[in-house]
Amino acid sequence: MPPRPMSTRSRARKRSRVRTRTKKKDPIFVDGQRPRPMYVDYKDIELLKKMVNRQGRIAGRRKSGCTAASQHAVTAAIKRARFMALLPFVGE
């Protein structure tokens, strides 16, 4: 049996579902001015706790909304804070 032709109504409905992606704001630098080179202070525990889940794992870029450069800086800061015993290696 051949496939049924798509009606104009279903074509319009299919087109209306397609949305363009909105650009996310980077939660680390909300004012839009990023320092070069990128640096996140490892002593800023409140910021770093937002980027770590309950198990103590570093949240991914999709979850945190960071750009690649800021995610790299956050990861380095979290690892440094763990080494200095400011953050736990394992969560609660």
N, C-alpha and C. Protein backbone atom coordinates (compact mmCIF):
# COMPACT_ATOMS: atom_id res chain seq x y z
N MET A 1 0.84 -1.17 0.00
CA MET A 1 0.00 0.00 0.00
C MET A 1 0.89 1.24 0.00
N PRO A 2 0.68 2.17 -0.93
CA PRO A 2 1.53 3.37 -1.00
C PRO A 2 1.22 4.32 0.15
N PRO A 3 2.20 5.12 0.54
CA PRO A 3 1.97 6.07 1.63
C PRO A 3 0.98 7.15 1.23
N ARG A 4 0.19 7.58 2.18
CA ARG A 4 -0.81 8.61 1.90
C ARG A 4 -0.14 9.96 1.74
N PRO A 5 -0.63 10.77 0.81
CA PRO A 5 -0.04 12.11 0.67
C PRO A 5 -0.35 12.97 1.89
N MET A 6 0.57 13.81 2.23
CA MET A 6 0.41 14.67 3.40
C MET A 6 -0.52 15.84 3.06
N SER A 7 -1.50 16.06 3.86
CA SER A 7 -2.42 17.16 3.60
C SER A 7 -1.77 18.49 3.96
N THR A 8 -2.32 19.57 3.48
CA THR A 8 -1.76 20.89 3.77
C THR A 8 -1.88 21.21 5.26
N ARG A 9 -2.91 20.70 5.88
CA ARG A 9 -3.11 20.95 7.31
C ARG A 9 -2.01 20.30 8.14
N SER A 10 -1.68 19.05 7.82
CA SER A 10 -0.64 18.38 8.59
C SER A 10 0.74 18.96 8.29
N ARG A 11 0.96 19.47 7.06
CA ARG A 11 2.22 20.14 6.75
C ARG A 11 2.38 21.40 7.59
N ALA A 12 1.31 22.17 7.71
CA ALA A 12 1.36 23.40 8.49
C ALA A 12 1.61 23.08 9.97
N ARG A 13 0.98 22.03 10.46
CA ARG A 13 1.16 21.64 11.85
C ARG A 13 2.60 21.19 12.09
N LYS A 14 3.16 20.47 11.13
CA LYS A 14 4.53 20.00 11.27
C LYS A 14 5.50 21.18 11.26
N ARG A 15 5.26 22.17 10.41
CA ARG A 15 6.11 23.35 10.34
C ARG A 15 6.03 24.18 11.62
N SER A 16 4.85 24.24 12.22
CA SER A 16 4.68 25.08 13.41
C SER A 16 5.42 24.49 14.61
N ARG A 17 5.66 23.18 14.61
CA ARG A 17 6.35 22.55 15.73
C ARG A 17 7.85 22.83 15.73
N VAL A 18 8.39 23.14 14.57
CA VAL A 18 9.82 23.39 14.47
C VAL A 18 10.12 24.76 15.08
N ARG A 19 11.03 24.79 16.05
CA ARG A 19 11.39 26.04 16.71
C ARG A 19 12.89 26.26 16.59
N THR A 20 13.26 27.50 16.54
CA THR A 20 14.68 27.80 16.52
C THR A 20 15.20 27.78 17.95
N ARG A 21 16.44 27.41 18.10
CA ARG A 21 17.03 27.36 19.43
C ARG A 21 17.41 28.76 19.87
N THR A 22 17.11 29.04 21.12
CA THR A 22 17.52 30.32 21.68
C THR A 22 18.89 30.14 22.31
N LYS A 23 19.71 31.14 22.20
CA LYS A 23 21.05 31.07 22.73
C LYS A 23 20.99 31.21 24.25
N LYS A 24 21.61 30.26 24.95
CA LYS A 24 21.60 30.28 26.41
C LYS A 24 22.61 31.29 26.92
N LYS A 25 22.29 31.86 28.06
CA LYS A 25 23.22 32.75 28.74
C LYS A 25 24.15 31.90 29.59
N ASP A 26 25.40 32.25 29.58
CA ASP A 26 26.38 31.54 30.38
C ASP A 26 26.17 31.90 31.85
N PRO A 27 25.90 30.92 32.74
CA PRO A 27 25.63 31.25 34.14
C PRO A 27 26.84 31.76 34.90
N ILE A 28 28.03 31.54 34.39
CA ILE A 28 29.24 31.98 35.08
C ILE A 28 29.44 33.48 34.89
N PHE A 29 29.31 33.94 33.66
CA PHE A 29 29.54 35.35 33.34
C PHE A 29 28.28 35.92 32.73
N VAL A 30 27.36 36.40 33.56
CA VAL A 30 26.07 36.87 33.08
C VAL A 30 26.14 38.29 32.52
N ASP A 31 27.15 39.06 32.90
CA ASP A 31 27.24 40.43 32.40
C ASP A 31 27.77 40.49 30.98
N GLY A 32 28.24 39.37 30.45
CA GLY A 32 28.70 39.33 29.07
C GLY A 32 30.16 39.64 28.90
N GLN A 33 30.85 40.04 29.94
CA GLN A 33 32.27 40.35 29.82
C GLN A 33 33.07 39.20 30.41
N ARG A 34 33.73 38.50 29.54
CA ARG A 34 34.53 37.36 29.98
C ARG A 34 35.99 37.77 30.09
N PRO A 35 36.63 37.45 31.18
CA PRO A 35 38.06 37.76 31.29
C PRO A 35 38.87 36.82 30.40
N ARG A 36 39.93 37.33 29.85
CA ARG A 36 40.84 36.52 29.05
C ARG A 36 42.19 36.53 29.71
N PRO A 37 42.80 35.45 30.05
CA PRO A 37 42.31 34.09 29.91
C PRO A 37 41.20 33.80 30.92
N MET A 38 40.37 32.82 30.59
CA MET A 38 39.23 32.46 31.43
C MET A 38 39.73 31.95 32.78
N TYR A 39 39.18 32.49 33.86
CA TYR A 39 39.58 32.06 35.19
C TYR A 39 38.37 32.07 36.11
N VAL A 40 38.17 30.99 36.82
CA VAL A 40 37.13 30.88 37.85
C VAL A 40 37.86 30.65 39.16
N ASP A 41 37.54 31.45 40.17
CA ASP A 41 38.25 31.37 41.44
C ASP A 41 37.88 30.08 42.17
N TYR A 42 38.87 29.30 42.55
CA TYR A 42 38.61 28.03 43.23
C TYR A 42 38.14 28.25 44.66
N LYS A 43 38.27 29.47 45.19
CA LYS A 43 37.82 29.76 46.55
C LYS A 43 36.35 30.18 46.60
N ASP A 44 35.73 30.36 45.43
CA ASP A 44 34.32 30.74 45.35
C ASP A 44 33.47 29.47 45.45
N ILE A 45 33.29 28.99 46.66
CA ILE A 45 32.65 27.70 46.90
C ILE A 45 31.16 27.72 46.53
N GLU A 46 30.49 28.84 46.73
CA GLU A 46 29.06 28.92 46.41
C GLU A 46 28.82 28.69 44.92
N LEU A 47 29.65 29.28 44.08
CA LEU A 47 29.53 29.08 42.63
C LEU A 47 29.85 27.65 42.25
N LEU A 48 30.90 27.10 42.84
CA LEU A 48 31.32 25.75 42.47
C LEU A 48 30.32 24.70 42.94
N LYS A 49 29.63 24.94 44.05
CA LYS A 49 28.63 23.99 44.52
C LYS A 49 27.44 23.91 43.57
N LYS A 50 27.16 25.00 42.84
CA LYS A 50 26.08 24.98 41.86
C LYS A 50 26.42 24.11 40.66
N MET A 51 27.71 23.93 40.42
CA MET A 51 28.16 23.17 39.25
C MET A 51 28.44 21.71 39.57
N VAL A 52 28.16 21.30 40.82
CA VAL A 52 28.39 19.92 41.24
C VAL A 52 27.05 19.35 41.70
N ASN A 53 26.75 18.09 41.30
CA ASN A 53 25.48 17.50 41.72
C ASN A 53 25.60 16.87 43.11
N ARG A 54 24.56 16.20 43.56
CA ARG A 54 24.52 15.67 44.92
C ARG A 54 25.56 14.58 45.17
N GLN A 55 25.91 13.85 44.11
CA GLN A 55 26.91 12.80 44.27
C GLN A 55 28.34 13.35 44.25
N GLY A 56 28.48 14.64 43.95
CA GLY A 56 29.80 15.24 43.90
C GLY A 56 30.40 15.28 42.51
N ARG A 57 29.62 14.92 41.50
CA ARG A 57 30.11 14.91 40.14
C ARG A 57 29.95 16.28 39.50
N ILE A 58 30.84 16.62 38.61
CA ILE A 58 30.78 17.90 37.90
C ILE A 58 29.68 17.81 36.86
N ALA A 59 28.79 18.79 36.85
CA ALA A 59 27.68 18.81 35.90
C ALA A 59 28.21 19.07 34.50
N GLY A 60 27.59 18.44 33.52
CA GLY A 60 27.99 18.61 32.13
C GLY A 60 27.55 19.96 31.57
N ARG A 61 28.01 20.25 30.36
CA ARG A 61 27.70 21.54 29.73
C ARG A 61 26.21 21.69 29.45
N ARG A 62 25.56 20.62 29.06
CA ARG A 62 24.12 20.70 28.77
C ARG A 62 23.33 21.04 30.02
N LYS A 63 23.74 20.47 31.12
CA LYS A 63 23.03 20.70 32.38
C LYS A 63 23.33 22.09 32.95
N SER A 64 24.59 22.49 32.91
CA SER A 64 24.98 23.76 33.52
C SER A 64 24.74 24.96 32.62
N GLY A 65 24.75 24.74 31.30
CA GLY A 65 24.53 25.85 30.38
C GLY A 65 25.78 26.66 30.09
N CYS A 66 26.93 26.17 30.45
CA CYS A 66 28.19 26.89 30.25
C CYS A 66 28.67 26.75 28.81
N THR A 67 29.51 27.69 28.41
CA THR A 67 30.22 27.54 27.15
C THR A 67 31.40 26.60 27.40
N ALA A 68 32.06 26.21 26.32
CA ALA A 68 33.17 25.26 26.46
C ALA A 68 34.30 25.84 27.29
N ALA A 69 34.61 27.11 27.05
CA ALA A 69 35.72 27.74 27.77
C ALA A 69 35.41 27.88 29.26
N SER A 70 34.19 28.31 29.58
CA SER A 70 33.85 28.48 30.99
C SER A 70 33.69 27.13 31.69
N GLN A 71 33.21 26.11 30.96
CA GLN A 71 33.12 24.77 31.56
C GLN A 71 34.50 24.23 31.88
N HIS A 72 35.46 24.48 31.01
CA HIS A 72 36.83 24.05 31.24
C HIS A 72 37.41 24.74 32.48
N ALA A 73 37.13 26.04 32.61
CA ALA A 73 37.63 26.80 33.76
C ALA A 73 36.96 26.34 35.06
N VAL A 74 35.66 26.05 34.99
CA VAL A 74 34.94 25.56 36.17
C VAL A 74 35.48 24.21 36.60
N THR A 75 35.73 23.34 35.63
CA THR A 75 36.26 22.01 35.94
C THR A 75 37.62 22.11 36.63
N ALA A 76 38.48 22.97 36.10
CA ALA A 76 39.80 23.15 36.72
C ALA A 76 39.67 23.71 38.13
N ALA A 77 38.74 24.65 38.33
CA ALA A 77 38.55 25.25 39.66
C ALA A 77 38.00 24.22 40.65
N ILE A 78 37.07 23.37 40.20
CA ILE A 78 36.51 22.35 41.08
C ILE A 78 37.59 21.35 41.49
N LYS A 79 38.40 20.94 40.53
CA LYS A 79 39.47 19.99 40.85
C LYS A 79 40.49 20.61 41.81
N ARG A 80 40.78 21.87 41.62
CA ARG A 80 41.72 22.56 42.51
C ARG A 80 41.13 22.68 43.92
N ALA A 81 39.81 23.02 43.99
CA ALA A 81 39.15 23.15 45.29
C ALA A 81 39.07 21.81 46.01
N ARG A 82 38.88 20.73 45.25
CA ARG A 82 38.88 19.40 45.87
C ARG A 82 40.25 19.07 46.46
N PHE A 83 41.30 19.40 45.71
CA PHE A 83 42.65 19.11 46.18
C PHE A 83 42.98 19.91 47.44
N MET A 84 42.45 21.14 47.52
CA MET A 84 42.70 21.99 48.69
C MET A 84 41.72 21.69 49.83
N ALA A 85 40.87 20.69 49.66
CA ALA A 85 39.88 20.24 50.65
C ALA A 85 38.81 21.29 50.93
N LEU A 86 38.49 22.12 49.93
CA LEU A 86 37.39 23.06 50.06
C LEU A 86 36.08 22.44 49.61
N LEU A 87 36.16 21.48 48.70
CA LEU A 87 35.00 20.72 48.23
C LEU A 87 35.28 19.24 48.47
N PRO A 88 34.24 18.45 48.76
CA PRO A 88 34.47 17.02 48.92
C PRO A 88 34.62 16.32 47.56
N PHE A 89 35.38 15.24 47.54
CA PHE A 89 35.50 14.45 46.31
C PHE A 89 34.22 13.68 46.05
N VAL A 90 33.55 13.25 47.11
CA VAL A 90 32.33 12.46 47.02
C VAL A 90 31.22 13.24 47.69
N GLY A 91 30.00 13.14 47.14
CA GLY A 91 28.87 13.86 47.70
C GLY A 91 28.40 13.28 49.02
N GLU A 92 27.21 13.65 49.40
CA GLU A 92 26.65 13.25 50.69
C GLU A 92 26.26 11.79 50.73
